Amino acid sequence: MIHEFEPTHFQTTIGSHEPVLRVASGDVIRTWTVDSGGYDRHGNDITEGGNPQTGPFYVEGAERGDTLRVRFERIRPNRTRGVTGGLVAPNVVDPGFVPELGPRNSEDWWELDLERGTARLHDPPPGLQSLGELPLDPMLGCFGVAPPQGQAISCATSGEHGGNMDYRGFREGVVVDFPVFAEGGLLHVGDGHALQGDGEIVGTGIEVSMDVELTVEVLKGKAICWPRAEDESFVMAVGNARPLDQAVQHATTELLKLLRDDHGLDYRAGSALLGQCIRYDVGNVFDPAYTMVAKVEKALLERL
């Protein structure tokens, strides 16, 4: 079944909030999100900022110990103007270099050509006048399920439930799996970026409201600990934590478990493969928890 959902209020925490819609496993949800500041497709400020989320969506049959699978069928900007932070974050440069960056009150506006799929700086800083257009690569920066023990966790950060991971690989066509901690899963989605570099080092991507279409599926009895994902080329596992080495540990552990669960590789075989073939991508390095994505090529697994 396809559900057309028009949100009327938004959440700035991911938690066990009252669901806005109940759907069945296999259903499709078509909806939209405001941008990270709470602005809609018309540029109207309709809710408080802080990565406001559309949802939560209750998926029938999802229980603790299951996995909720989310396939992003469509992620498209729905307005022609987006904004980014103007300076890199202090925590991603040497401390002594921070004063040289200058005042932290700047931002950049981008004009989006939705038909051609491009972005252009509205008022380029000196030296970037000839940069021209960049191709859009829309993704969602913050989404996830209700965390364990009835917590409501700020959309500024992330954890085992997902949250503000800001990984640019979470784009259209990707499948993301979440551990279910609360009845119904309670899926939240938001924080659309028309384009973003690795790490979200200026504290934003090109922030914009989005039209989103997703399919949800309950995998009964499949227990995972951290988010997992798959695109056309890689299987992935996600770790969210600070310091960064702890995020690496979570992601690597979950990828080893994924190879065991889905591909029959014990930890000895998984270690031999990942030792030479693992790849790491950096998600968020701006917010309280960092995100690390560990991945391995599907082409390698297809040989087994």
C-alpha atoms as a PDB file:
ATOM      1  CA  MET A   1       0.000   0.000   0.000  1.00  0.00           C
ATOM      2  CA  ILE A   2       1.141   3.548  -0.718  1.00  0.00           C
ATOM      3  CA  HIS A   3       0.570   6.182   1.986  1.00  0.00           C
ATOM      4  CA  GLU A   4       0.614   9.893   1.140  1.00  0.00           C
ATOM      5  CA  PHE A   5       1.442  11.630   4.422  1.00  0.00           C
ATOM      6  CA  GLU A   6       1.216  15.397   5.035  1.00  0.00           C
ATOM      7  CA  PRO A   7       3.080  16.302   8.241  1.00  0.00           C
ATOM      8  CA  THR A   8       1.618  18.961  10.521  1.00  0.00           C
ATOM      9  CA  HIS A   9       4.155  18.855  13.338  1.00  0.00           C
ATOM     10  CA  PHE A  10       7.772  17.762  13.703  1.00  0.00           C
ATOM     11  CA  GLN A  11      10.079  16.281  16.342  1.00  0.00           C
ATOM     12  CA  THR A  12      13.532  17.558  17.325  1.00  0.00           C
ATOM     13  CA  THR A  13      14.230  14.412  19.306  1.00  0.00           C
ATOM     14  CA  ILE A  14      14.079  10.817  18.128  1.00  0.00           C
ATOM     15  CA  GLY A  15      12.097   8.837  20.655  1.00  0.00           C
ATOM     16  CA  SER A  16       8.950   6.926  21.508  1.00  0.00           C
ATOM     17  CA  HIS A  17       6.652   9.742  20.443  1.00  0.00           C
ATOM     18  CA  GLU A  18       3.030   9.199  19.466  1.00  0.00           C
ATOM     19  CA  PRO A  19       3.107   7.789  15.922  1.00  0.00           C
ATOM     20  CA  VAL A  20       1.714   9.981  13.152  1.00  0.00           C
ATOM     21  CA  LEU A  21       0.916   7.055  10.844  1.00  0.00           C
ATOM     22  CA  ARG A  22       0.656   3.273  11.126  1.00  0.00           C
ATOM     23  CA  VAL A  23       1.766   1.220   8.143  1.00  0.00           C
ATOM     24  CA  ALA A  24       2.333  -2.447   7.315  1.00  0.00           C
ATOM     25  CA  SER A  25       5.584  -4.150   6.431  1.00  0.00           C
ATOM     26  CA  GLY A  26       6.124  -3.672   2.695  1.00  0.00           C
ATOM     27  CA  ASP A  27       4.210  -0.384   2.537  1.00  0.00           C
ATOM     28  CA  VAL A  28       5.459   2.774   0.823  1.00  0.00           C
ATOM     29  CA  ILE A  29       5.390   6.181   2.528  1.00  0.00           C
ATOM     30  CA  ARG A  30       5.443   9.371   0.475  1.00  0.00           C
ATOM     31  CA  THR A  31       6.013  12.495   2.541  1.00  0.00           C
ATOM     32  CA  TRP A  32       8.190  15.587   2.904  1.00  0.00           C
ATOM     33  CA  THR A  33      10.585  17.109   5.392  1.00  0.00           C
ATOM     34  CA  VAL A  34      11.483  20.637   6.436  1.00  0.00           C
ATOM     35  CA  ASP A  35      15.139  21.651   6.380  1.00  0.00           C
ATOM     36  CA  SER A  36      17.391  21.591   9.442  1.00  0.00           C
ATOM     37  CA  GLY A  37      16.208  25.054  10.467  1.00  0.00           C
ATOM     38  CA  GLY A  38      12.501  24.240  10.215  1.00  0.00           C
ATOM     39  CA  TYR A  39      11.786  25.882   6.834  1.00  0.00           C
ATOM     40  CA  ASP A  40       9.430  24.282   4.319  1.00  0.00           C
ATOM     41  CA  ARG A  41       9.340  24.166   0.511  1.00  0.00           C
ATOM     42  CA  HIS A  42       8.024  27.752   0.380  1.00  0.00           C
ATOM     43  CA  GLY A  43      10.781  29.082   2.620  1.00  0.00           C
ATOM     44  CA  ASN A  44       8.379  29.502   5.523  1.00  0.00           C
ATOM     45  CA  ASP A  45       9.627  28.916   9.059  1.00  0.00           C
ATOM     46  CA  ILE A  46       6.988  26.458  10.294  1.00  0.00           C
ATOM     47  CA  THR A  47       8.705  24.705  13.193  1.00  0.00           C
ATOM     48  CA  GLU A  48      11.692  25.042  15.515  1.00  0.00           C
ATOM     49  CA  GLY A  49      15.123  24.198  14.135  1.00  0.00           C
ATOM     50  CA  GLY A  50      17.466  21.423  15.140  1.00  0.00           C
ATOM     51  CA  ASN A  51      16.995  18.832  12.375  1.00  0.00           C
ATOM     52  CA  PRO A  52      13.197  18.517  12.842  1.00  0.00           C
ATOM     53  CA  GLN A  53      11.912  15.080  11.928  1.00  0.00           C
ATOM     54  CA  THR A  54       8.848  13.937  10.041  1.00  0.00           C
ATOM     55  CA  GLY A  55       7.194  11.046  11.887  1.00  0.00           C
ATOM     56  CA  PRO A  56       7.435   8.804  13.724  1.00  0.00           C
ATOM     57  CA  PHE A  57       5.969   6.071  11.546  1.00  0.00           C
ATOM     58  CA  TYR A  58       4.761   2.917  13.301  1.00  0.00           C
ATOM     59  CA  VAL A  59       5.389  -0.271  11.328  1.00  0.00           C
ATOM     60  CA  GLU A  60       3.035  -3.067  12.303  1.00  0.00           C
ATOM     61  CA  GLY A  61       4.748  -6.176  13.630  1.00  0.00           C
ATOM     62  CA  ALA A  62       8.088  -4.546  14.445  1.00  0.00           C
ATOM     63  CA  GLU A  63       9.240  -5.622  17.907  1.00  0.00           C
ATOM     64  CA  ARG A  64      12.420  -5.473  19.925  1.00  0.00           C
ATOM     65  CA  GLY A  65      14.871  -7.973  18.478  1.00  0.00           C
ATOM     66  CA  ASP A  66      13.666  -7.431  14.902  1.00  0.00           C
ATOM     67  CA  THR A  67      15.248  -5.300  12.186  1.00  0.00           C
ATOM     68  CA  LEU A  68      13.471  -2.477  10.392  1.00  0.00           C
ATOM     69  CA  ARG A  69      14.586  -2.170   6.777  1.00  0.00           C
ATOM     70  CA  VAL A  70      14.158   1.200   5.060  1.00  0.00           C
ATOM     71  CA  ARG A  71      14.662   1.649   1.321  1.00  0.00           C
ATOM     72  CA  PHE A  72      14.950   5.230   0.116  1.00  0.00           C
ATOM     73  CA  GLU A  73      13.093   5.174  -3.194  1.00  0.00           C
ATOM     74  CA  ARG A  74      13.189   8.925  -3.722  1.00  0.00           C
ATOM     75  CA  ILE A  75      15.005  11.835  -2.023  1.00  0.00           C
ATOM     76  CA  ARG A  76      14.546  15.095  -3.933  1.00  0.00           C
ATOM     77  CA  PRO A  77      14.919  18.770  -2.961  1.00  0.00           C
ATOM     78  CA  ASN A  78      11.603  20.585  -3.318  1.00  0.00           C
ATOM     79  CA  ARG A  79      12.775  24.187  -3.382  1.00  0.00           C
ATOM     80  CA  THR A  80      15.392  26.154  -5.319  1.00  0.00           C
ATOM     81  CA  ARG A  81      17.404  27.717  -2.495  1.00  0.00           C
ATOM     82  CA  GLY A  82      19.570  26.157   0.194  1.00  0.00           C
ATOM     83  CA  VAL A  83      22.032  27.360   2.818  1.00  0.00           C
ATOM     84  CA  THR A  84      25.340  26.167   4.236  1.00  0.00           C
ATOM     85  CA  GLY A  85      27.615  27.198   7.078  1.00  0.00           C
ATOM     86  CA  GLY A  86      30.386  29.551   6.017  1.00  0.00           C
ATOM     87  CA  LEU A  87      33.374  28.231   7.983  1.00  0.00           C
ATOM     88  CA  VAL A  88      34.760  24.842   8.898  1.00  0.00           C
ATOM     89  CA  ALA A  89      34.074  23.750  12.460  1.00  0.00           C
ATOM     90  CA  PRO A  90      36.720  24.500  15.107  1.00  0.00           C
ATOM     91  CA  ASN A  91      37.023  20.809  16.038  1.00  0.00           C
ATOM     92  CA  VAL A  92      38.154  19.729  12.549  1.00  0.00           C
ATOM     93  CA  VAL A  93      41.245  21.983  12.394  1.00  0.00           C
ATOM     94  CA  ASP A  94      44.255  22.475  14.655  1.00  0.00           C
ATOM     95  CA  PRO A  95      43.277  24.474  17.776  1.00  0.00           C
ATOM     96  CA  GLY A  96      45.888  27.131  17.117  1.00  0.00           C
ATOM     97  CA  PHE A  97      44.471  27.687  13.638  1.00  0.00           C
ATOM     98  CA  VAL A  98      40.921  28.485  14.793  1.00  0.00           C
ATOM     99  CA  PRO A  99      41.470  32.258  15.322  1.00  0.00           C
ATOM    100  CA  GLU A 100      42.737  32.584  11.759  1.00  0.00           C
ATOM    101  CA  LEU A 101      39.385  31.415  10.400  1.00  0.00           C
ATOM    102  CA  GLY A 102      37.718  34.678  11.391  1.00  0.00           C
ATOM    103  CA  PRO A 103      34.206  35.444  12.734  1.00  0.00           C
ATOM    104  CA  ARG A 104      31.768  32.545  12.804  1.00  0.00           C
ATOM    105  CA  ASN A 105      28.700  34.443  11.638  1.00  0.00           C
ATOM    106  CA  SER A 106      28.939  33.744   7.914  1.00  0.00           C
ATOM    107  CA  GLU A 107      26.788  31.523   5.745  1.00  0.00           C
ATOM    108  CA  ASP A 108      26.478  30.783   2.042  1.00  0.00           C
ATOM    109  CA  TRP A 109      23.291  30.606  -0.026  1.00  0.00           C
ATOM    110  CA  TRP A 110      23.045  28.255  -2.969  1.00  0.00           C
ATOM    111  CA  GLU A 111      20.712  28.403  -5.958  1.00  0.00           C
ATOM    112  CA  LEU A 112      19.410  24.955  -6.932  1.00  0.00           C
ATOM    113  CA  ASP A 113      18.367  24.050 -10.469  1.00  0.00           C
ATOM    114  CA  LEU A 114      16.079  21.104  -9.772  1.00  0.00           C
ATOM    115  CA  GLU A 115      15.546  20.226 -13.435  1.00  0.00           C
ATOM    116  CA  ARG A 116      19.248  20.122 -14.256  1.00  0.00           C
ATOM    117  CA  GLY A 117      20.280  18.812 -10.833  1.00  0.00           C
ATOM    118  CA  THR A 118      22.885  21.464 -10.048  1.00  0.00           C
ATOM    119  CA  ALA A 119      23.813  23.927  -7.301  1.00  0.00           C
ATOM    120  CA  ARG A 120      25.520  27.308  -7.673  1.00  0.00           C
ATOM    121  CA  LEU A 121      26.748  29.732  -5.013  1.00  0.00           C
ATOM    122  CA  HIS A 122      24.505  32.814  -4.950  1.00  0.00           C
ATOM    123  CA  ASP A 123      27.297  35.156  -3.832  1.00  0.00           C
ATOM    124  CA  PRO A 124      30.622  33.315  -4.138  1.00  0.00           C
ATOM    125  CA  PRO A 125      33.430  34.316  -1.758  1.00  0.00           C
ATOM    126  CA  PRO A 126      36.477  35.813  -3.492  1.00  0.00           C
ATOM    127  CA  GLY A 127      38.300  33.171  -5.474  1.00  0.00           C
ATOM    128  CA  LEU A 128      35.215  31.038  -6.143  1.00  0.00           C
ATOM    129  CA  GLN A 129      33.524  33.229  -8.767  1.00  0.00           C
ATOM    130  CA  SER A 130      34.454  30.782 -11.516  1.00  0.00           C
ATOM    131  CA  LEU A 131      33.451  27.651  -9.574  1.00  0.00           C
ATOM    132  CA  GLY A 132      30.183  27.438 -11.476  1.00  0.00           C
ATOM    133  CA  GLU A 133      27.777  24.582 -10.916  1.00  0.00           C
ATOM    134  CA  LEU A 134      28.139  21.489  -8.781  1.00  0.00           C
ATOM    135  CA  PRO A 135      26.023  18.355  -9.334  1.00  0.00           C
ATOM    136  CA  LEU A 136      23.391  17.668  -6.705  1.00  0.00           C
ATOM    137  CA  ASP A 137      23.666  14.459  -4.670  1.00  0.00           C
ATOM    138  CA  PRO A 138      20.658  14.547  -2.309  1.00  0.00           C
ATOM    139  CA  MET A 139      20.746  12.626   0.958  1.00  0.00           C
ATOM    140  CA  LEU A 140      19.198  12.581   4.423  1.00  0.00           C
ATOM    141  CA  GLY A 141      21.436  13.634   7.271  1.00  0.00           C
ATOM    142  CA  CYS A 142      19.297  12.618  10.248  1.00  0.00           C
ATOM    143  CA  PHE A 143      16.916   9.669  10.486  1.00  0.00           C
ATOM    144  CA  GLY A 144      16.415   6.633  12.656  1.00  0.00           C
ATOM    145  CA  VAL A 145      14.198   4.648  14.998  1.00  0.00           C
ATOM    146  CA  ALA A 146      13.214   5.129  18.631  1.00  0.00           C
ATOM    147  CA  PRO A 147      16.200   4.327  20.859  1.00  0.00           C
ATOM    148  CA  PRO A 148      16.090   1.797  23.724  1.00  0.00           C
ATOM    149  CA  GLN A 149      14.700   2.290  27.234  1.00  0.00           C
ATOM    150  CA  GLY A 150      12.210   4.960  26.225  1.00  0.00           C
ATOM    151  CA  GLN A 151      14.878   7.553  25.569  1.00  0.00           C
ATOM    152  CA  ALA A 152      14.293  10.667  23.474  1.00  0.00           C
ATOM    153  CA  ILE A 153      17.639  11.638  21.951  1.00  0.00           C
ATOM    154  CA  SER A 154      18.400  15.022  20.413  1.00  0.00           C
ATOM    155  CA  CYS A 155      18.499  15.189  16.618  1.00  0.00           C
ATOM    156  CA  ALA A 156      21.869  16.915  17.000  1.00  0.00           C
ATOM    157  CA  THR A 157      23.567  13.590  17.698  1.00  0.00           C
ATOM    158  CA  SER A 158      23.468   9.893  16.847  1.00  0.00           C
ATOM    159  CA  GLY A 159      23.712   6.431  18.361  1.00  0.00           C
ATOM    160  CA  GLU A 160      22.762   2.824  17.803  1.00  0.00           C
ATOM    161  CA  HIS A 161      19.285   3.993  16.755  1.00  0.00           C
ATOM    162  CA  GLY A 162      20.679   6.123  13.911  1.00  0.00           C
ATOM    163  CA  GLY A 163      20.108   9.862  14.254  1.00  0.00           C
ATOM    164  CA  ASN A 164      22.268  12.687  12.955  1.00  0.00           C
ATOM    165  CA  MET A 165      24.814  10.607  11.044  1.00  0.00           C
ATOM    166  CA  ASP A 166      25.302  13.014   8.112  1.00  0.00           C
ATOM    167  CA  TYR A 167      26.758  10.319   5.872  1.00  0.00           C
ATOM    168  CA  ARG A 168      26.582  11.409   2.255  1.00  0.00           C
ATOM    169  CA  GLY A 169      26.121   7.795   1.167  1.00  0.00           C
ATOM    170  CA  PHE A 170      22.568   7.761   2.566  1.00  0.00           C
ATOM    171  CA  ARG A 171      21.124   8.740  -0.769  1.00  0.00           C
ATOM    172  CA  GLU A 172      18.319   7.597  -3.053  1.00  0.00           C
ATOM    173  CA  GLY A 173      18.356   3.845  -3.726  1.00  0.00           C
ATOM    174  CA  VAL A 174      20.137   2.914  -0.486  1.00  0.00           C
ATOM    175  CA  VAL A 175      18.725   0.345   1.940  1.00  0.00           C
ATOM    176  CA  VAL A 176      19.327   1.004   5.647  1.00  0.00           C
ATOM    177  CA  ASP A 177      18.618  -1.517   8.420  1.00  0.00           C
ATOM    178  CA  PHE A 178      17.957  -0.477  12.015  1.00  0.00           C
ATOM    179  CA  PRO A 179      17.726  -2.521  15.206  1.00  0.00           C
ATOM    180  CA  VAL A 180      14.207  -2.260  16.627  1.00  0.00           C
ATOM    181  CA  PHE A 181      14.099  -1.117  20.260  1.00  0.00           C
ATOM    182  CA  ALA A 182      10.455  -0.036  20.587  1.00  0.00           C
ATOM    183  CA  GLU A 183       7.178  -1.497  19.388  1.00  0.00           C
ATOM    184  CA  GLY A 184       6.524  -0.388  15.812  1.00  0.00           C
ATOM    185  CA  GLY A 185      10.111   0.756  15.318  1.00  0.00           C
ATOM    186  CA  LEU A 186       8.963   4.411  15.189  1.00  0.00           C
ATOM    187  CA  LEU A 187      10.867   5.661  12.156  1.00  0.00           C
ATOM    188  CA  HIS A 188      11.779   9.360  11.913  1.00  0.00           C
ATOM    189  CA  VAL A 189      13.203  11.105   8.799  1.00  0.00           C
ATOM    190  CA  GLY A 190      14.591  14.589   8.164  1.00  0.00           C
ATOM    191  CA  ASP A 191      17.581  16.903   7.652  1.00  0.00           C
ATOM    192  CA  GLY A 192      17.803  16.869   3.859  1.00  0.00           C
ATOM    193  CA  HIS A 193      21.003  17.946   2.128  1.00  0.00           C
ATOM    194  CA  ALA A 194      21.123  18.708  -1.588  1.00  0.00           C
ATOM    195  CA  LEU A 195      24.892  18.156  -1.471  1.00  0.00           C
ATOM    196  CA  GLN A 196      27.437  17.537   1.280  1.00  0.00           C
ATOM    197  CA  GLY A 197      31.108  16.671   1.551  1.00  0.00           C
ATOM    198  CA  ASP A 198      32.476  13.974   3.842  1.00  0.00           C
ATOM    199  CA  GLY A 199      32.182  14.791   7.531  1.00  0.00           C
ATOM    200  CA  GLU A 200      29.809  17.763   7.242  1.00  0.00           C
ATOM    201  CA  ILE A 201      32.810  19.863   8.292  1.00  0.00           C
ATOM    202  CA  VAL A 202      31.048  23.258   8.077  1.00  0.00           C
ATOM    203  CA  GLY A 203      28.232  21.931  10.258  1.00  0.00           C
ATOM    204  CA  THR A 204      25.811  21.638   7.347  1.00  0.00           C
ATOM    205  CA  GLY A 205      25.319  20.301   3.884  1.00  0.00           C
ATOM    206  CA  ILE A 206      23.294  22.415   1.486  1.00  0.00           C
ATOM    207  CA  GLU A 207      20.295  22.461   3.807  1.00  0.00           C
ATOM    208  CA  VAL A 208      16.971  22.167   2.000  1.00  0.00           C
ATOM    209  CA  SER A 209      13.490  20.720   2.408  1.00  0.00           C
ATOM    210  CA  MET A 210      12.896  17.384   0.703  1.00  0.00           C
ATOM    211  CA  ASP A 211      10.272  15.172  -0.888  1.00  0.00           C
ATOM    212  CA  VAL A 212      10.885  11.643   0.371  1.00  0.00           C
ATOM    213  CA  GLU A 213       9.528   8.254  -0.660  1.00  0.00           C
ATOM    214  CA  LEU A 214      10.527   5.158   1.279  1.00  0.00           C
ATOM    215  CA  THR A 215       9.578   1.520   1.649  1.00  0.00           C
ATOM    216  CA  VAL A 216       9.598  -0.141   5.074  1.00  0.00           C
ATOM    217  CA  GLU A 217       9.980  -3.847   5.840  1.00  0.00           C
ATOM    218  CA  VAL A 218      10.147  -5.781   9.106  1.00  0.00           C
ATOM    219  CA  LEU A 219      12.753  -8.548   9.235  1.00  0.00           C
ATOM    220  CA  LYS A 220      11.375 -10.755  11.992  1.00  0.00           C
ATOM    221  CA  GLY A 221      13.857 -12.303  14.399  1.00  0.00           C
ATOM    222  CA  LYS A 222      16.863 -10.643  12.756  1.00  0.00           C
ATOM    223  CA  ALA A 223      18.759  -8.957  15.590  1.00  0.00           C
ATOM    224  CA  ILE A 224      21.444  -6.379  14.812  1.00  0.00           C
ATOM    225  CA  CYS A 225      23.246  -3.953  17.112  1.00  0.00           C
ATOM    226  CA  TRP A 226      24.042  -0.956  14.888  1.00  0.00           C
ATOM    227  CA  PRO A 227      22.654   0.354  11.596  1.00  0.00           C
ATOM    228  CA  ARG A 228      23.611  -1.551   8.474  1.00  0.00           C
ATOM    229  CA  ALA A 229      23.218  -0.459   4.863  1.00  0.00           C
ATOM    230  CA  GLU A 230      23.604  -1.536   1.268  1.00  0.00           C
ATOM    231  CA  ASP A 231      23.932   0.324  -2.020  1.00  0.00           C
ATOM    232  CA  GLU A 232      24.658  -0.859  -5.544  1.00  0.00           C
ATOM    233  CA  SER A 233      28.323  -1.529  -4.745  1.00  0.00           C
ATOM    234  CA  PHE A 234      28.873  -2.041  -1.010  1.00  0.00           C
ATOM    235  CA  VAL A 235      27.483  -3.570   2.165  1.00  0.00           C
ATOM    236  CA  MET A 236      28.053  -1.299   5.141  1.00  0.00           C
ATOM    237  CA  ALA A 237      27.900  -1.033   8.904  1.00  0.00           C
ATOM    238  CA  VAL A 238      27.663   2.186  10.885  1.00  0.00           C
ATOM    239  CA  GLY A 239      29.204   3.178  14.205  1.00  0.00           C
ATOM    240  CA  ASN A 240      28.218   6.380  16.013  1.00  0.00           C
ATOM    241  CA  ALA A 241      30.276   7.505  19.006  1.00  0.00           C
ATOM    242  CA  ARG A 242      32.926   9.840  20.297  1.00  0.00           C
ATOM    243  CA  PRO A 243      35.915   9.535  20.282  1.00  0.00           C
ATOM    244  CA  LEU A 244      36.366   8.522  16.665  1.00  0.00           C
ATOM    245  CA  ASP A 245      38.168   5.293  17.517  1.00  0.00           C
ATOM    246  CA  GLN A 246      35.049   4.057  19.332  1.00  0.00           C
ATOM    247  CA  ALA A 247      32.953   4.754  16.227  1.00  0.00           C
ATOM    248  CA  VAL A 248      35.477   2.712  14.219  1.00  0.00           C
ATOM    249  CA  GLN A 249      35.172  -0.145  16.727  1.00  0.00           C
ATOM    250  CA  HIS A 250      31.373  -0.210  16.532  1.00  0.00           C
ATOM    251  CA  ALA A 251      31.358  -0.103  12.714  1.00  0.00           C
ATOM    252  CA  THR A 252      34.035  -2.794  12.321  1.00  0.00           C
ATOM    253  CA  THR A 253      32.370  -5.112  14.833  1.00  0.00           C
ATOM    254  CA  GLU A 254      28.984  -4.735  13.135  1.00  0.00           C
ATOM    255  CA  LEU A 255      30.490  -5.402   9.696  1.00  0.00           C
ATOM    256  CA  LEU A 256      32.074  -8.615  10.967  1.00  0.00           C
ATOM    257  CA  LYS A 257      28.668  -9.670  12.340  1.00  0.00           C
ATOM    258  CA  LEU A 258      27.020  -8.758   9.019  1.00  0.00           C
ATOM    259  CA  LEU A 259      29.464 -11.005   7.136  1.00  0.00           C
ATOM    260  CA  ARG A 260      28.714 -13.824   9.562  1.00  0.00           C
ATOM    261  CA  ASP A 261      24.941 -13.387   9.492  1.00  0.00           C
ATOM    262  CA  ASP A 262      24.373 -12.718   5.797  1.00  0.00           C
ATOM    263  CA  HIS A 263      27.332 -14.389   4.086  1.00  0.00           C
ATOM    264  CA  GLY A 264      28.316 -17.292   6.339  1.00  0.00           C
ATOM    265  CA  LEU A 265      31.816 -16.037   7.139  1.00  0.00           C
ATOM    266  CA  ASP A 266      33.082 -16.813  10.611  1.00  0.00           C
ATOM    267  CA  TYR A 267      35.207 -14.175  12.301  1.00  0.00           C
ATOM    268  CA  ARG A 268      38.457 -15.771  11.090  1.00  0.00           C
ATOM    269  CA  ALA A 269      37.316 -15.626   7.455  1.00  0.00           C
ATOM    270  CA  GLY A 270      35.808 -12.177   7.907  1.00  0.00           C
ATOM    271  CA  SER A 271      39.063 -10.900   9.359  1.00  0.00           C
ATOM    272  CA  ALA A 272      41.088 -12.262   6.443  1.00  0.00           C
ATOM    273  CA  LEU A 273      38.765 -10.528   3.986  1.00  0.00           C
ATOM    274  CA  LEU A 274      38.423  -7.210   5.787  1.00  0.00           C
ATOM    275  CA  GLY A 275      42.112  -7.003   6.606  1.00  0.00           C
ATOM    276  CA  GLN A 276      42.835  -6.306   2.944  1.00  0.00           C
ATOM    277  CA  CYS A 277      39.493  -5.160   1.562  1.00  0.00           C
ATOM    278  CA  ILE A 278      37.669  -3.062   4.153  1.00  0.00           C
ATOM    279  CA  ARG A 279      36.970   0.558   3.306  1.00  0.00           C
ATOM    280  CA  TYR A 280      36.039   3.304   5.758  1.00  0.00           C
ATOM    281  CA  ASP A 281      33.963   6.409   5.054  1.00  0.00           C
ATOM    282  CA  VAL A 282      33.646   9.309   7.459  1.00  0.00           C
ATOM    283  CA  GLY A 283      30.182  10.557   8.273  1.00  0.00           C
ATOM    284  CA  ASN A 284      29.576  13.308  10.800  1.00  0.00           C
ATOM    285  CA  VAL A 285      32.646  14.787  12.536  1.00  0.00           C
ATOM    286  CA  PHE A 286      30.911  18.009  13.601  1.00  0.00           C
ATOM    287  CA  ASP A 287      28.321  16.961  16.169  1.00  0.00           C
ATOM    288  CA  PRO A 288      28.590  15.288  19.595  1.00  0.00           C
ATOM    289  CA  ALA A 289      28.911  11.751  18.183  1.00  0.00           C
ATOM    290  CA  TYR A 290      31.073  10.981  15.187  1.00  0.00           C
ATOM    291  CA  THR A 291      29.944   8.567  12.478  1.00  0.00           C
ATOM    292  CA  MET A 292      32.148   5.970  10.811  1.00  0.00           C
ATOM    293  CA  VAL A 293      30.987   3.665   8.030  1.00  0.00           C
ATOM    294  CA  ALA A 294      32.831   0.379   7.451  1.00  0.00           C
ATOM    295  CA  LYS A 295      32.130  -1.280   4.110  1.00  0.00           C
ATOM    296  CA  VAL A 296      33.195  -4.017   1.720  1.00  0.00           C
ATOM    297  CA  GLU A 297      32.502  -4.456  -1.975  1.00  0.00           C
ATOM    298  CA  LYS A 298      29.572  -6.672  -2.915  1.00  0.00           C
ATOM    299  CA  ALA A 299      31.539  -7.919  -5.930  1.00  0.00           C
ATOM    300  CA  LEU A 300      33.967  -9.641  -3.546  1.00  0.00           C
ATOM    301  CA  LEU A 301      31.125 -11.314  -1.655  1.00  0.00           C
ATOM    302  CA  GLU A 302      29.539 -12.537  -4.881  1.00  0.00           C
ATOM    303  CA  ARG A 303      32.640 -14.694  -5.490  1.00  0.00           C
ATOM    304  CA  LEU A 304      32.038 -16.696  -2.321  1.00  0.00           C
END
